[in-house]
Amino acid sequence: MGTAIERFDTNARRAFDSIGQTQVYQGELLRHPVYTRFLHWTVALFFFLALFSGFGIYLPWLFRWFTPIFGGGPLARELHPWFGLFFVFFFGLQMLNWLAPMMWTPADSRWMRNLKNIAAGKEKMEPPDTGFFNAGQKLQFWEIVVGCVLYLISGIILWAGARTFGRWPVAISYVVHDISAIVMLGGIFIHIYLSTIGEPGTFQAMIRGAVSEAWAWTFHPAWYKEVSGRDPVQACEEARRRGEYGSK
């Protein structure tokens, strides 16, 4: 199964790389190829389409101004489950794309134990064994995986209705669906903050596909060492001596 997944992902990457190329300049490293960026923004698109149409359906007294965007309440109700299905489908592809680097490691457990210092900004650089993704990113990834499963199951029950599944499954599905949406929305707010203000340079990775070496050794030192062959602390000190790196 793993081999089939890797083969599919490799073929998809090659297909998308043949359509568009990622420019990596001096002092930068390739972070996300075209295929990965396509999946990320497609997932984001359908997530927010499902979210906004869902708000208009389930809380019309507060978010009824969303429904005209989708052609009115009845059409928004028709489109919402399809937006959800496309979101789950494309995130499924993203899950295959990121399955290997998202697996939990002992380094992630150590990162979690040091979370207080990291969140408080006491650590100027991430722990030296932080790889392609840190533990926080992995937790959010798996939270979305669980959320997608709950979305899919509860959404199908709500879509089919009480005549097919009965009143109690539908009532429970409403609660599960809404709670999953709230949890995922909270995670998205954190994700947006960290990809912009919290970790400057991260947003560029999903726009251009490349990041600066300084970003890499600051936030993902083990990955930096893996792809560059250089020690991240030494590279940071050399950049400081040249006046190319601030007081992070």
Protein backbone atom coordinates (compact mmCIF):
# COMPACT_ATOMS: atom_id res chain seq x y z
CA MET A 1 0.00 0.00 0.00
CA GLY A 2 2.80 2.37 0.90
CA THR A 3 4.52 1.69 -2.41
CA ALA A 4 1.31 2.35 -4.35
CA ILE A 5 0.78 5.62 -2.48
CA GLU A 6 4.36 6.72 -3.12
CA ARG A 7 4.03 5.80 -6.81
CA PHE A 8 0.79 7.76 -7.16
CA ASP A 9 2.23 10.78 -5.36
CA THR A 10 5.41 10.72 -7.44
CA ASN A 11 3.45 10.54 -10.70
CA ALA A 12 1.20 13.40 -9.58
CA ARG A 13 4.20 15.55 -8.68
CA ARG A 14 5.79 14.89 -12.07
CA ALA A 15 2.58 15.70 -13.92
CA PHE A 16 2.18 19.04 -12.16
CA ASP A 17 5.88 19.88 -12.42
CA SER A 18 5.55 19.51 -16.18
CA ILE A 19 2.84 22.20 -16.12
CA GLY A 20 4.58 24.72 -13.89
CA GLN A 21 8.06 25.15 -12.42
CA THR A 22 9.19 26.46 -9.05
CA GLN A 23 11.89 29.12 -9.17
CA VAL A 24 14.45 28.69 -6.40
CA TYR A 25 16.97 31.51 -6.12
CA GLN A 26 20.32 31.68 -4.40
CA GLY A 27 19.96 31.47 -0.65
CA GLU A 28 16.65 29.59 -0.93
CA LEU A 29 15.49 25.99 -0.66
CA LEU A 30 12.63 24.20 -2.38
CA ARG A 31 9.88 23.65 0.18
CA HIS A 32 6.66 22.79 -1.65
CA PRO A 33 6.47 21.70 -5.31
CA VAL A 34 3.62 22.73 -7.62
CA TYR A 35 1.44 19.69 -6.84
CA THR A 36 1.60 20.29 -3.09
CA ARG A 37 0.70 23.95 -3.49
CA PHE A 38 -2.19 23.08 -5.81
CA LEU A 39 -3.61 20.67 -3.24
CA HIS A 40 -3.18 23.15 -0.38
CA TRP A 41 -5.04 25.98 -2.09
CA THR A 42 -7.74 23.70 -3.51
CA VAL A 43 -8.38 22.29 -0.04
CA ALA A 44 -8.49 25.84 1.36
CA LEU A 45 -10.94 26.95 -1.37
CA PHE A 46 -13.45 24.17 -0.78
CA PHE A 47 -13.09 24.41 2.99
CA PHE A 48 -14.14 28.05 3.01
CA LEU A 49 -16.88 27.47 0.42
CA ALA A 50 -18.29 24.70 2.62
CA LEU A 51 -17.82 26.82 5.74
CA PHE A 52 -19.54 29.95 4.44
CA SER A 53 -22.41 28.08 2.80
CA GLY A 54 -22.79 26.04 6.00
CA PHE A 55 -22.94 29.17 8.14
CA GLY A 56 -25.75 30.52 5.99
CA ILE A 57 -27.69 27.27 6.33
CA TYR A 58 -27.26 26.46 10.02
CA LEU A 59 -27.17 30.00 11.46
CA PRO A 60 -29.32 32.05 9.05
CA TRP A 61 -30.27 34.53 11.76
CA LEU A 62 -26.61 35.54 12.03
CA PHE A 63 -25.04 34.68 8.66
CA ARG A 64 -27.90 35.06 6.19
CA TRP A 65 -25.79 37.60 4.30
CA PHE A 66 -23.59 34.67 3.14
CA THR A 67 -26.37 32.93 1.20
CA PRO A 68 -26.68 35.51 -1.66
CA ILE A 69 -23.06 34.69 -2.55
CA PHE A 70 -24.24 31.20 -3.47
CA GLY A 71 -27.43 32.29 -5.24
CA GLY A 72 -29.77 32.21 -2.25
CA GLY A 73 -30.64 29.85 0.58
CA PRO A 74 -31.99 26.87 -1.45
CA LEU A 75 -29.02 26.84 -3.82
CA ALA A 76 -26.57 27.23 -0.93
CA ARG A 77 -28.20 24.19 0.70
CA GLU A 78 -27.74 22.22 -2.53
CA LEU A 79 -24.13 23.29 -3.02
CA HIS A 80 -22.95 22.86 0.57
CA PRO A 81 -22.62 19.05 0.61
CA TRP A 82 -20.80 19.11 -2.72
CA PHE A 83 -18.33 21.68 -1.40
CA GLY A 84 -17.81 19.37 1.58
CA LEU A 85 -17.22 16.32 -0.61
CA PHE A 86 -14.66 18.17 -2.73
CA PHE A 87 -12.94 19.39 0.44
CA VAL A 88 -12.68 15.84 1.81
CA PHE A 89 -11.55 14.48 -1.59
CA PHE A 90 -8.74 16.96 -2.11
CA PHE A 91 -7.63 16.75 1.50
CA GLY A 92 -7.48 12.99 1.00
CA LEU A 93 -5.00 13.59 -1.81
CA GLN A 94 -3.07 15.98 0.43
CA MET A 95 -3.01 13.34 3.14
CA LEU A 96 -1.37 10.91 0.72
CA ASN A 97 1.05 13.65 -0.31
CA TRP A 98 2.10 14.39 3.27
CA LEU A 99 1.61 11.01 4.94
CA ALA A 100 5.30 10.19 5.41
CA PRO A 101 6.49 13.54 6.88
CA MET A 102 3.40 13.71 9.11
CA MET A 103 4.19 10.51 11.00
CA TRP A 104 4.89 11.06 14.72
CA THR A 105 8.49 10.68 15.93
CA PRO A 106 10.31 10.93 19.29
CA ALA A 107 11.43 14.41 18.22
CA ASP A 108 7.79 15.48 18.16
CA SER A 109 7.28 14.27 21.72
CA ARG A 110 10.27 16.33 22.82
CA TRP A 111 8.86 19.33 20.91
CA MET A 112 5.57 19.02 22.81
CA ARG A 113 7.36 18.93 26.16
CA ASN A 114 9.09 22.18 25.18
CA LEU A 115 5.92 23.77 23.81
CA LYS A 116 5.64 26.37 26.60
CA ASN A 117 9.04 27.87 25.84
CA ILE A 118 8.43 27.75 22.08
CA ALA A 119 5.03 29.46 22.35
CA ALA A 120 6.45 32.11 24.70
CA GLY A 121 9.18 32.94 22.21
CA LYS A 122 11.98 31.95 24.59
CA GLU A 123 13.47 29.69 21.94
CA LYS A 124 14.95 31.73 19.09
CA MET A 125 15.25 28.62 16.93
CA GLU A 126 13.15 25.48 16.85
CA PRO A 127 14.68 22.40 18.53
CA PRO A 128 17.54 21.01 16.40
CA ASP A 129 15.68 17.78 15.61
CA THR A 130 12.61 19.56 14.14
CA GLY A 131 12.13 18.10 10.67
CA PHE A 132 9.96 19.00 7.70
CA PHE A 133 6.95 19.55 9.99
CA ASN A 134 6.95 20.22 13.73
CA ALA A 135 4.68 18.50 16.23
CA GLY A 136 2.13 21.32 16.23
CA GLN A 137 1.72 21.11 12.46
CA LYS A 138 1.35 17.35 12.67
CA LEU A 139 -1.30 17.61 15.37
CA GLN A 140 -3.32 20.00 13.24
CA PHE A 141 -2.94 17.73 10.22
CA TRP A 142 -4.32 14.72 12.11
CA GLU A 143 -7.05 16.86 13.65
CA ILE A 144 -8.18 17.68 10.11
CA VAL A 145 -8.00 13.99 9.16
CA VAL A 146 -10.33 13.13 12.05
CA GLY A 147 -12.49 16.14 11.21
CA CYS A 148 -12.83 14.99 7.59
CA VAL A 149 -13.98 11.55 8.71
CA LEU A 150 -16.56 13.09 11.05
CA TYR A 151 -17.63 15.57 8.35
CA LEU A 152 -18.11 12.79 5.84
CA ILE A 153 -20.08 10.46 8.10
CA SER A 154 -22.29 13.13 9.66
CA GLY A 155 -22.69 14.94 6.34
CA ILE A 156 -23.94 11.83 4.54
CA ILE A 157 -26.47 11.20 7.32
CA LEU A 158 -27.68 14.81 7.17
CA TRP A 159 -27.79 14.71 3.38
CA ALA A 160 -29.88 11.52 3.30
CA GLY A 161 -32.10 12.69 6.16
CA ALA A 162 -34.25 11.10 8.83
CA ARG A 163 -36.19 8.92 6.38
CA THR A 164 -33.03 6.96 5.65
CA PHE A 165 -31.17 6.98 8.97
CA GLY A 166 -33.78 7.95 11.56
CA ARG A 167 -34.25 10.98 13.80
CA TRP A 168 -31.58 10.25 16.43
CA PRO A 169 -28.67 9.73 14.00
CA VAL A 170 -29.63 12.96 12.26
CA ALA A 171 -29.83 14.88 15.55
CA ILE A 172 -26.44 13.55 16.66
CA SER A 173 -24.95 14.30 13.25
CA TYR A 174 -25.99 17.95 13.52
CA VAL A 175 -24.02 18.26 16.76
CA VAL A 176 -20.99 16.35 15.47
CA HIS A 177 -20.96 18.32 12.22
CA ASP A 178 -21.14 21.69 13.96
CA ILE A 179 -18.55 20.87 16.63
CA SER A 180 -16.15 19.57 13.96
CA ALA A 181 -16.59 22.80 12.01
CA ILE A 182 -15.90 24.97 15.08
CA VAL A 183 -12.78 22.98 16.04
CA MET A 184 -11.46 23.06 12.51
CA LEU A 185 -12.17 26.77 12.16
CA GLY A 186 -10.20 27.45 15.35
CA GLY A 187 -7.31 25.44 13.94
CA ILE A 188 -7.45 27.41 10.69
CA PHE A 189 -7.15 30.70 12.59
CA ILE A 190 -4.02 29.37 14.32
CA HIS A 191 -2.70 28.15 10.98
CA ILE A 192 -3.21 31.53 9.33
CA TYR A 193 -1.52 33.34 12.22
CA LEU A 194 1.53 31.06 12.25
CA SER A 195 1.90 31.13 8.47
CA THR A 196 1.98 34.94 8.43
CA ILE A 197 2.81 36.85 11.61
CA GLY A 198 3.96 33.96 13.81
CA GLU A 199 6.53 32.56 11.39
CA PRO A 200 7.39 35.20 8.77
CA GLY A 201 8.32 33.66 5.45
CA THR A 202 6.00 30.66 5.78
CA PHE A 203 3.31 32.10 3.51
CA GLN A 204 5.88 32.44 0.76
CA ALA A 205 6.41 28.68 0.87
CA MET A 206 2.85 28.09 -0.32
CA ILE A 207 2.94 30.93 -2.87
CA ARG A 208 6.32 30.48 -4.55
CA GLY A 209 7.24 27.05 -3.19
CA ALA A 210 10.63 28.20 -1.89
CA VAL A 211 11.86 29.49 1.47
CA SER A 212 14.98 31.30 2.59
CA GLU A 213 17.74 29.28 4.21
CA ALA A 214 17.35 31.49 7.29
CA TRP A 215 13.71 30.45 7.56
CA ALA A 216 14.68 26.80 7.18
CA TRP A 217 17.36 26.75 9.87
CA THR A 218 15.17 28.80 12.22
CA PHE A 219 11.94 26.81 12.03
CA HIS A 220 12.98 23.40 10.66
CA PRO A 221 16.68 22.91 11.42
CA ALA A 222 16.75 19.12 10.95
CA TRP A 223 15.12 19.48 7.54
CA TYR A 224 17.59 22.23 6.66
CA LYS A 225 20.48 19.94 7.53
CA GLU A 226 18.94 17.11 5.53
CA VAL A 227 18.52 19.08 2.30
CA SER A 228 21.59 21.33 2.52
CA GLY A 229 24.10 19.11 4.32
CA ARG A 230 25.05 22.02 6.57
CA ASP A 231 24.77 22.42 10.33
CA PRO A 232 21.91 24.90 11.00
CA VAL A 233 23.54 26.53 14.04
CA GLN A 234 26.82 27.01 12.19
CA ALA A 235 25.01 28.39 9.13
CA CYS A 236 23.12 30.83 11.37
CA GLU A 237 26.31 32.04 13.08
CA GLU A 238 28.06 32.52 9.75
CA ALA A 239 25.15 34.58 8.45
CA ARG A 240 25.21 36.72 11.58
CA ARG A 241 28.91 37.41 11.16
CA ARG A 242 28.23 38.51 7.60
CA GLY A 243 25.41 40.74 8.83
CA GLU A 244 22.82 38.78 6.81
CA TYR A 245 20.77 37.53 9.78
CA GLY A 246 19.13 39.46 12.60
CA SER A 247 19.03 38.83 16.31
CA LYS A 248 16.52 35.92 16.16
